[in-house]
Amino acid sequence: MTKVDVNVIQESDFTLISVVGELDASSSVELDTRLQQCIDNGETKLLIDCVGLTYISSAGIGVFTSRLDDVQLKNISMVLFNVAENIKSVFEILGVDQFLNLASNKEEAIQTL
């Protein structure tokens, strides 16, 4: 079983979620749970720091894509940043980069909100 650390930090005007490790079928449940908690808590601005994300499977991608409806319905801004090139290329190959907001760094992500 792979390990992923998902930390949620409440900053002044947004919620920062940092993801460290590998997102696969078993570990993606942790991220999905944390995202759902943020949505249920009425968070409207989510920044997801992927600087420590080393691998993502289709299940990991599914966490982000399955939350898109919730994000749109509840008018939530969600931006992923510090995404490694190998993970960004997976997003591009699958076409999910068309639906996800991707930013290079935290400053750009905050501006995207």
Protein backbone atom coordinates (compact mmCIF):
# COMPACT_ATOMS: atom_id res chain seq x y z
CA MET A 1 0.00 0.00 0.00
CA THR A 2 1.43 3.33 -1.02
CA LYS A 3 1.59 6.28 1.28
CA VAL A 4 0.31 9.76 0.67
CA ASP A 5 0.25 12.68 3.07
CA VAL A 6 -2.56 15.17 2.62
CA ASN A 7 -2.31 18.28 4.79
CA VAL A 8 -5.03 20.91 4.92
CA ILE A 9 -4.03 24.37 6.09
CA GLN A 10 -6.48 27.24 6.42
CA GLU A 11 -4.82 30.42 5.16
CA SER A 12 -6.32 33.91 5.30
CA ASP A 13 -8.56 33.75 2.25
CA PHE A 14 -8.15 30.22 0.91
CA THR A 15 -7.58 26.62 1.93
CA LEU A 16 -4.21 25.08 1.03
CA ILE A 17 -4.10 21.33 0.50
CA SER A 18 -0.63 19.84 0.08
CA VAL A 19 -0.27 16.38 -1.43
CA VAL A 20 2.96 14.46 -0.86
CA GLY A 21 3.63 10.95 -2.14
CA GLU A 22 1.87 8.73 -4.64
CA LEU A 23 -1.81 8.89 -5.54
CA ASP A 24 -3.10 5.49 -6.55
CA ALA A 25 -6.25 3.43 -5.92
CA SER A 26 -5.53 2.89 -2.23
CA SER A 27 -4.02 6.25 -1.30
CA SER A 28 -6.39 8.47 -3.30
CA VAL A 29 -9.16 7.80 -0.75
CA GLU A 30 -7.33 10.09 1.71
CA LEU A 31 -7.28 13.01 -0.75
CA ASP A 32 -10.89 12.39 -1.75
CA THR A 33 -11.98 12.45 1.90
CA ARG A 34 -10.11 15.70 2.57
CA LEU A 35 -11.53 17.37 -0.54
CA GLN A 36 -15.04 16.31 0.42
CA GLN A 37 -14.54 17.75 3.93
CA CYS A 38 -13.45 21.09 2.45
CA ILE A 39 -16.48 21.14 0.14
CA ASP A 40 -18.82 20.18 2.99
CA ASN A 41 -17.29 22.91 5.18
CA GLY A 42 -18.22 25.52 2.57
CA GLU A 43 -14.69 26.35 1.46
CA THR A 44 -14.80 28.40 -1.74
CA LYS A 45 -11.10 28.69 -2.63
CA LEU A 46 -8.95 25.57 -2.75
CA LEU A 47 -5.27 25.61 -3.66
CA ILE A 48 -3.74 22.18 -4.12
CA ASP A 49 0.04 22.06 -3.82
CA CYS A 50 1.38 19.10 -5.79
CA VAL A 51 5.10 19.80 -5.22
CA GLY A 52 5.52 16.49 -3.37
CA LEU A 53 3.26 14.46 -5.65
CA THR A 54 5.53 11.92 -7.35
CA TYR A 55 3.01 9.64 -9.09
CA ILE A 56 -0.65 9.67 -10.04
CA SER A 57 -2.80 6.80 -11.30
CA SER A 58 -6.16 6.95 -13.00
CA ALA A 59 -7.75 6.64 -9.54
CA GLY A 60 -5.82 9.71 -8.39
CA ILE A 61 -6.93 11.65 -11.44
CA GLY A 62 -10.45 10.42 -10.76
CA VAL A 63 -10.42 12.20 -7.39
CA PHE A 64 -9.96 15.56 -9.12
CA THR A 65 -12.34 14.90 -11.99
CA SER A 66 -15.07 13.46 -9.75
CA ARG A 67 -15.06 16.66 -7.68
CA LEU A 68 -15.46 18.94 -10.71
CA ASP A 69 -19.27 18.86 -10.54
CA ASP A 70 -19.26 19.78 -6.83
CA VAL A 71 -16.75 22.53 -7.48
CA GLN A 72 -18.83 24.02 -10.30
CA LEU A 73 -22.19 23.64 -8.53
CA LYS A 74 -20.93 25.31 -5.36
CA ASN A 75 -18.91 27.97 -7.21
CA ILE A 76 -15.62 26.79 -5.71
CA SER A 77 -12.30 27.87 -7.22
CA MET A 78 -9.83 24.98 -7.29
CA VAL A 79 -6.30 25.41 -8.60
CA LEU A 80 -3.51 22.83 -8.69
CA PHE A 81 0.05 24.16 -8.63
CA ASN A 82 3.65 22.92 -8.54
CA VAL A 83 2.61 19.96 -10.70
CA ALA A 84 5.62 17.92 -11.87
CA GLU A 85 6.14 17.60 -15.63
CA ASN A 86 5.50 13.83 -15.64
CA ILE A 87 2.14 14.32 -13.91
CA LYS A 88 1.24 17.33 -16.05
CA SER A 89 1.87 15.24 -19.17
CA VAL A 90 -0.52 12.55 -17.87
CA PHE A 91 -3.16 15.27 -17.39
CA GLU A 92 -2.53 16.49 -20.95
CA ILE A 93 -2.63 13.02 -22.52
CA LEU A 94 -5.98 12.31 -20.83
CA GLY A 95 -7.28 15.81 -21.58
CA VAL A 96 -8.06 16.64 -17.96
CA ASP A 97 -5.84 19.72 -18.17
CA GLN A 98 -8.77 21.23 -20.09
CA PHE A 99 -10.96 20.99 -16.98
CA LEU A 100 -8.48 21.56 -14.16
CA ASN A 101 -6.92 24.91 -13.36
CA LEU A 102 -3.15 24.42 -13.33
CA ALA A 103 -0.67 27.04 -12.17
CA SER A 104 3.13 27.03 -12.05
CA ASN A 105 3.50 28.25 -8.48
CA LYS A 106 1.55 29.45 -5.43
CA GLU A 107 1.58 33.12 -6.48
CA GLU A 108 0.15 32.28 -9.90
CA ALA A 109 -2.41 29.98 -8.26
CA ILE A 110 -3.58 32.76 -5.92
CA GLN A 111 -3.97 35.11 -8.91
CA THR A 112 -6.01 32.43 -10.72
CA LEU A 113 -8.47 32.30 -7.81
